[in-house]
Structure formats: structure tokens, C-alpha cells
């Protein structure tokens, strides 16, 4: 009876955690242990949540990559975040394929720098307006004004 109660308590706690945000399977198990659940129960419950579709490591890895890429983090920092969040290593490469090309990031940073210096915009305003900023026409001007001496 005690084991059944412990399992139900762990399931309820796992569902409460998953209501707030997504977790990888290993991260959920670690969080349950941190909250006081038995390690074996935590592992069984996280496995059951994955079977039911509440936890999906592949989708979670993609979400982490998209989130941190949008913040401007590079490949190495995103790998570290995947490791920290206990995403299985075999899923990293597929998730990292979703990263934008480095050239896109360079263009974005150059465009932001140009707007800030030429128009007196704040960095936050530039980032908020990013989708509406035409980048390609500004690249030659930005490059020559930024990297070449006058």
C-alpha cells in the first residue's frame, strides 16, 4: 500500500511540475528526487510520463535550441544548456540543425549596431523591431563603416 501511495504522490508531483514547464525525462526524474521522491519511483514516473506523451526529449531538445538561439546564444552555449537540462546526447545533433546560420546572426548584430548608432535607438527597441528591419541592403555600408578605417 505504501509503494502505491508513493507512486501516486510522485505522479501527482510530476504532473504539477509539467503544468509549469517542459522537462526532459532525466531532468524530470532529477527534479522529483530533489523534491523528496524515491529515485526508483522518480525514474518510473518519468518513464511513464514519456510513455503517455507528457515528456518528449526530442521535442524538448528542439525547443531549448530555438529558445536560446532566439536569445542570440551560439552553438557551444546551447550545447551546454542541453547538457545542463539533461537532454540525451544522441538528440543534440538533430536539435542543433535548427540553429540559424552564423551569417544570419552576424547580419542581425550589424543591423542592430547600425540602428543604434545611426538612429539613436535603444538595443531593446532594435531587437523588438527585428522582423521589420531590412538587413541585406545595409550590409555593405555597415561593413565598411564598422570594420574599415575612414
C-alpha atoms as a PDB file:
ATOM      1  CA  UNK A   1       0.000   0.000   0.000  1.00  0.00           C
ATOM      2  CA  UNK A   2       2.808   2.415   0.838  1.00  0.00           C
ATOM      3  CA  UNK A   3       4.512   1.830  -2.534  1.00  0.00           C
ATOM      4  CA  UNK A   4       1.261   2.541  -4.364  1.00  0.00           C
ATOM      5  CA  UNK A   5       0.737   5.753  -2.398  1.00  0.00           C
ATOM      6  CA  UNK A   6       4.312   6.820  -3.104  1.00  0.00           C
ATOM      7  CA  UNK A   7       3.825   6.201  -6.824  1.00  0.00           C
ATOM      8  CA  UNK A   8       0.594   8.221  -6.882  1.00  0.00           C
ATOM      9  CA  UNK A   9       2.236  11.058  -4.972  1.00  0.00           C
ATOM     10  CA  UNK A  10       5.157  11.060  -7.436  1.00  0.00           C
ATOM     11  CA  UNK A  11       2.747  11.066 -10.418  1.00  0.00           C
ATOM     12  CA  UNK A  12       0.804  13.986  -8.978  1.00  0.00           C
ATOM     13  CA  UNK A  13       4.001  15.913  -8.314  1.00  0.00           C
ATOM     14  CA  UNK A  14       5.279  15.179 -11.844  1.00  0.00           C
ATOM     15  CA  UNK A  15       2.038  16.452 -13.358  1.00  0.00           C
ATOM     16  CA  UNK A  16       2.230  19.633 -11.290  1.00  0.00           C
ATOM     17  CA  UNK A  17       5.798  20.202 -12.475  1.00  0.00           C
ATOM     18  CA  UNK A  18       4.828  19.573 -16.096  1.00  0.00           C
ATOM     19  CA  UNK A  19       1.966  22.070 -15.836  1.00  0.00           C
ATOM     20  CA  UNK A  20       4.524  24.829 -15.273  1.00  0.00           C
ATOM     21  CA  UNK A  21       7.075  23.992 -17.996  1.00  0.00           C
ATOM     22  CA  UNK A  22       8.506  21.206 -20.123  1.00  0.00           C
ATOM     23  CA  UNK A  23      11.248  18.899 -18.872  1.00  0.00           C
ATOM     24  CA  UNK A  24      13.457  16.213 -20.340  1.00  0.00           C
ATOM     25  CA  UNK A  25      12.848  12.760 -18.943  1.00  0.00           C
ATOM     26  CA  UNK A  26      16.074  12.757 -16.913  1.00  0.00           C
ATOM     27  CA  UNK A  27      15.508  16.331 -15.753  1.00  0.00           C
ATOM     28  CA  UNK A  28      12.011  15.437 -14.519  1.00  0.00           C
ATOM     29  CA  UNK A  29      13.324  12.427 -12.609  1.00  0.00           C
ATOM     30  CA  UNK A  30      16.066  14.556 -11.012  1.00  0.00           C
ATOM     31  CA  UNK A  31      13.536  17.237 -10.076  1.00  0.00           C
ATOM     32  CA  UNK A  32      11.276  14.629  -8.450  1.00  0.00           C
ATOM     33  CA  UNK A  33      14.212  13.277  -6.426  1.00  0.00           C
ATOM     34  CA  UNK A  34      15.095  16.846  -5.447  1.00  0.00           C
ATOM     35  CA  UNK A  35      11.509  17.298  -4.207  1.00  0.00           C
ATOM     36  CA  UNK A  36      11.824  14.224  -1.980  1.00  0.00           C
ATOM     37  CA  UNK A  37      10.635  11.321  -4.098  1.00  0.00           C
ATOM     38  CA  UNK A  38      12.406   7.963  -4.096  1.00  0.00           C
ATOM     39  CA  UNK A  39      14.878   7.739  -7.024  1.00  0.00           C
ATOM     40  CA  UNK A  40      13.387   4.479  -8.306  1.00  0.00           C
ATOM     41  CA  UNK A  41       9.868   5.937  -8.161  1.00  0.00           C
ATOM     42  CA  UNK A  42      11.013   9.142  -9.825  1.00  0.00           C
ATOM     43  CA  UNK A  43      12.589   7.200 -12.687  1.00  0.00           C
ATOM     44  CA  UNK A  44       9.487   5.037 -13.119  1.00  0.00           C
ATOM     45  CA  UNK A  45       7.172   8.042 -13.101  1.00  0.00           C
ATOM     46  CA  UNK A  46       9.277   9.993 -15.604  1.00  0.00           C
ATOM     47  CA  UNK A  47       9.310   6.928 -17.848  1.00  0.00           C
ATOM     48  CA  UNK A  48       5.525   6.679 -17.569  1.00  0.00           C
ATOM     49  CA  UNK A  49       5.129  10.383 -18.384  1.00  0.00           C
ATOM     50  CA  UNK A  50       7.221   9.792 -21.522  1.00  0.00           C
ATOM     51  CA  UNK A  51       5.023   6.807 -22.477  1.00  0.00           C
ATOM     52  CA  UNK A  52       1.931   8.971 -22.106  1.00  0.00           C
ATOM     53  CA  UNK A  53       3.487  11.714 -24.242  1.00  0.00           C
ATOM     54  CA  UNK A  54       3.779  14.320 -21.495  1.00  0.00           C
ATOM     55  CA  UNK A  55       7.573  14.239 -21.817  1.00  0.00           C
ATOM     56  CA  UNK A  56       9.289  14.109 -25.211  1.00  0.00           C
ATOM     57  CA  UNK A  57      13.053  14.562 -25.164  1.00  0.00           C
ATOM     58  CA  UNK A  58      13.305  15.144 -28.920  1.00  0.00           C
ATOM     59  CA  UNK A  59      10.752  17.965 -28.915  1.00  0.00           C
ATOM     60  CA  UNK A  60      12.237  19.390 -25.741  1.00  0.00           C
ATOM     61  CA  UNK A  61      15.728  19.495 -27.279  1.00  0.00           C
ATOM     62  CA  UNK A  62      14.373  21.398 -30.282  1.00  0.00           C
ATOM     63  CA  UNK A  63      12.551  23.822 -28.017  1.00  0.00           C
ATOM     64  CA  UNK A  64      15.703  24.508 -25.989  1.00  0.00           C
ATOM     65  CA  UNK A  65      17.723  25.129 -29.159  1.00  0.00           C
ATOM     66  CA  UNK A  66      15.121  27.509 -30.617  1.00  0.00           C
ATOM     67  CA  UNK A  67      14.755  29.383 -27.333  1.00  0.00           C
ATOM     68  CA  UNK A  68      18.453  30.009 -26.803  1.00  0.00           C
ATOM     69  CA  UNK A  69      19.144  30.682 -30.490  1.00  0.00           C
ATOM     70  CA  UNK A  70      16.497  33.408 -30.366  1.00  0.00           C
ATOM     71  CA  UNK A  71      18.371  34.920 -27.426  1.00  0.00           C
ATOM     72  CA  UNK A  72      21.496  35.045 -29.600  1.00  0.00           C
ATOM     73  CA  UNK A  73      23.415  32.205 -27.947  1.00  0.00           C
ATOM     74  CA  UNK A  74      25.968  30.316 -30.002  1.00  0.00           C
ATOM     75  CA  UNK A  75      26.299  26.606 -30.664  1.00  0.00           C
ATOM     76  CA  UNK A  76      28.646  25.936 -27.727  1.00  0.00           C
ATOM     77  CA  UNK A  77      26.421  27.719 -25.190  1.00  0.00           C
ATOM     78  CA  UNK A  78      23.364  25.878 -26.466  1.00  0.00           C
ATOM     79  CA  UNK A  79      25.176  22.537 -26.169  1.00  0.00           C
ATOM     80  CA  UNK A  80      25.983  23.407 -22.575  1.00  0.00           C
ATOM     81  CA  UNK A  81      22.332  24.229 -21.948  1.00  0.00           C
ATOM     82  CA  UNK A  82      21.257  20.880 -23.448  1.00  0.00           C
ATOM     83  CA  UNK A  83      23.749  19.126 -21.166  1.00  0.00           C
ATOM     84  CA  UNK A  84      22.566  21.083 -18.141  1.00  0.00           C
ATOM     85  CA  UNK A  85      18.967  20.188 -18.880  1.00  0.00           C
ATOM     86  CA  UNK A  86      19.915  16.508 -19.164  1.00  0.00           C
ATOM     87  CA  UNK A  87      18.809  16.053 -22.765  1.00  0.00           C
ATOM     88  CA  UNK A  88      20.223  12.751 -24.103  1.00  0.00           C
ATOM     89  CA  UNK A  89      23.396  13.362 -26.115  1.00  0.00           C
ATOM     90  CA  UNK A  90      22.123  11.463 -29.151  1.00  0.00           C
ATOM     91  CA  UNK A  91      19.406  14.103 -29.650  1.00  0.00           C
ATOM     92  CA  UNK A  92      21.727  17.116 -29.667  1.00  0.00           C
ATOM     93  CA  UNK A  93      22.838  16.992 -33.298  1.00  0.00           C
ATOM     94  CA  UNK A  94      19.330  16.776 -34.701  1.00  0.00           C
ATOM     95  CA  UNK A  95      18.193  19.648 -32.493  1.00  0.00           C
ATOM     96  CA  UNK A  96      21.222  21.789 -33.331  1.00  0.00           C
ATOM     97  CA  UNK A  97      20.357  21.524 -37.031  1.00  0.00           C
ATOM     98  CA  UNK A  98      17.595  24.042 -36.261  1.00  0.00           C
ATOM     99  CA  UNK A  99      20.168  26.746 -35.474  1.00  0.00           C
ATOM    100  CA  UNK A 100      20.245  29.617 -37.968  1.00  0.00           C
ATOM    101  CA  UNK A 101      23.409  30.090 -39.986  1.00  0.00           C
ATOM    102  CA  UNK A 102      26.120  32.207 -38.400  1.00  0.00           C
ATOM    103  CA  UNK A 103      25.811  34.706 -41.274  1.00  0.00           C
ATOM    104  CA  UNK A 104      22.241  35.441 -40.177  1.00  0.00           C
ATOM    105  CA  UNK A 105      23.458  36.215 -36.685  1.00  0.00           C
ATOM    106  CA  UNK A 106      26.236  38.477 -37.959  1.00  0.00           C
ATOM    107  CA  UNK A 107      23.776  40.352 -40.185  1.00  0.00           C
ATOM    108  CA  UNK A 108      21.417  40.827 -37.277  1.00  0.00           C
ATOM    109  CA  UNK A 109      24.129  42.160 -34.982  1.00  0.00           C
ATOM    110  CA  UNK A 110      25.445  44.523 -37.654  1.00  0.00           C
ATOM    111  CA  UNK A 111      21.958  45.819 -38.389  1.00  0.00           C
ATOM    112  CA  UNK A 112      21.297  46.366 -34.694  1.00  0.00           C
ATOM    113  CA  UNK A 113      24.581  48.221 -34.304  1.00  0.00           C
ATOM    114  CA  UNK A 114      23.783  50.457 -37.264  1.00  0.00           C
ATOM    115  CA  UNK A 115      20.329  51.323 -35.976  1.00  0.00           C
ATOM    116  CA  UNK A 116      21.571  52.062 -32.504  1.00  0.00           C
ATOM    117  CA  UNK A 117      24.387  54.318 -33.666  1.00  0.00           C
ATOM    118  CA  UNK A 118      22.633  55.999 -36.632  1.00  0.00           C
ATOM    119  CA  UNK A 119      19.124  56.448 -35.259  1.00  0.00           C
ATOM    120  CA  UNK A 120      19.737  56.631 -31.550  1.00  0.00           C
ATOM    121  CA  UNK A 121      17.565  53.556 -30.938  1.00  0.00           C
ATOM    122  CA  UNK A 122      17.925  51.510 -27.817  1.00  0.00           C
ATOM    123  CA  UNK A 123      19.102  47.917 -28.184  1.00  0.00           C
ATOM    124  CA  UNK A 124      15.784  46.642 -26.813  1.00  0.00           C
ATOM    125  CA  UNK A 125      13.827  48.588 -29.420  1.00  0.00           C
ATOM    126  CA  UNK A 126      16.008  47.182 -32.207  1.00  0.00           C
ATOM    127  CA  UNK A 127      15.505  43.618 -31.027  1.00  0.00           C
ATOM    128  CA  UNK A 128      11.737  44.141 -30.717  1.00  0.00           C
ATOM    129  CA  UNK A 129      11.575  45.571 -34.236  1.00  0.00           C
ATOM    130  CA  UNK A 130      13.925  42.983 -35.760  1.00  0.00           C
ATOM    131  CA  UNK A 131      11.474  41.235 -38.116  1.00  0.00           C
ATOM    132  CA  UNK A 132      10.688  44.558 -39.833  1.00  0.00           C
ATOM    133  CA  UNK A 133      14.311  45.625 -40.368  1.00  0.00           C
ATOM    134  CA  UNK A 134      15.592  45.114 -43.935  1.00  0.00           C
ATOM    135  CA  UNK A 135      19.101  43.805 -43.352  1.00  0.00           C
ATOM    136  CA  UNK A 136      20.612  42.898 -46.727  1.00  0.00           C
ATOM    137  CA  UNK A 137      20.772  46.455 -48.203  1.00  0.00           C
ATOM    138  CA  UNK A 138      22.607  47.709 -45.117  1.00  0.00           C
ATOM    139  CA  UNK A 139      25.379  45.094 -45.025  1.00  0.00           C
ATOM    140  CA  UNK A 140      27.937  46.802 -47.349  1.00  0.00           C
ATOM    141  CA  UNK A 141      27.523  50.147 -45.585  1.00  0.00           C
ATOM    142  CA  UNK A 142      27.707  48.526 -42.164  1.00  0.00           C
ATOM    143  CA  UNK A 143      30.781  46.516 -43.064  1.00  0.00           C
ATOM    144  CA  UNK A 144      32.738  49.447 -44.471  1.00  0.00           C
ATOM    145  CA  UNK A 145      31.729  51.854 -41.713  1.00  0.00           C
ATOM    146  CA  UNK A 146      32.365  49.350 -38.941  1.00  0.00           C
ATOM    147  CA  UNK A 147      35.489  47.445 -39.937  1.00  0.00           C
ATOM    148  CA  UNK A 148      37.435  49.709 -42.276  1.00  0.00           C
ATOM    149  CA  UNK A 149      39.171  52.876 -41.135  1.00  0.00           C
ATOM    150  CA  UNK A 150      37.931  56.152 -42.653  1.00  0.00           C
END
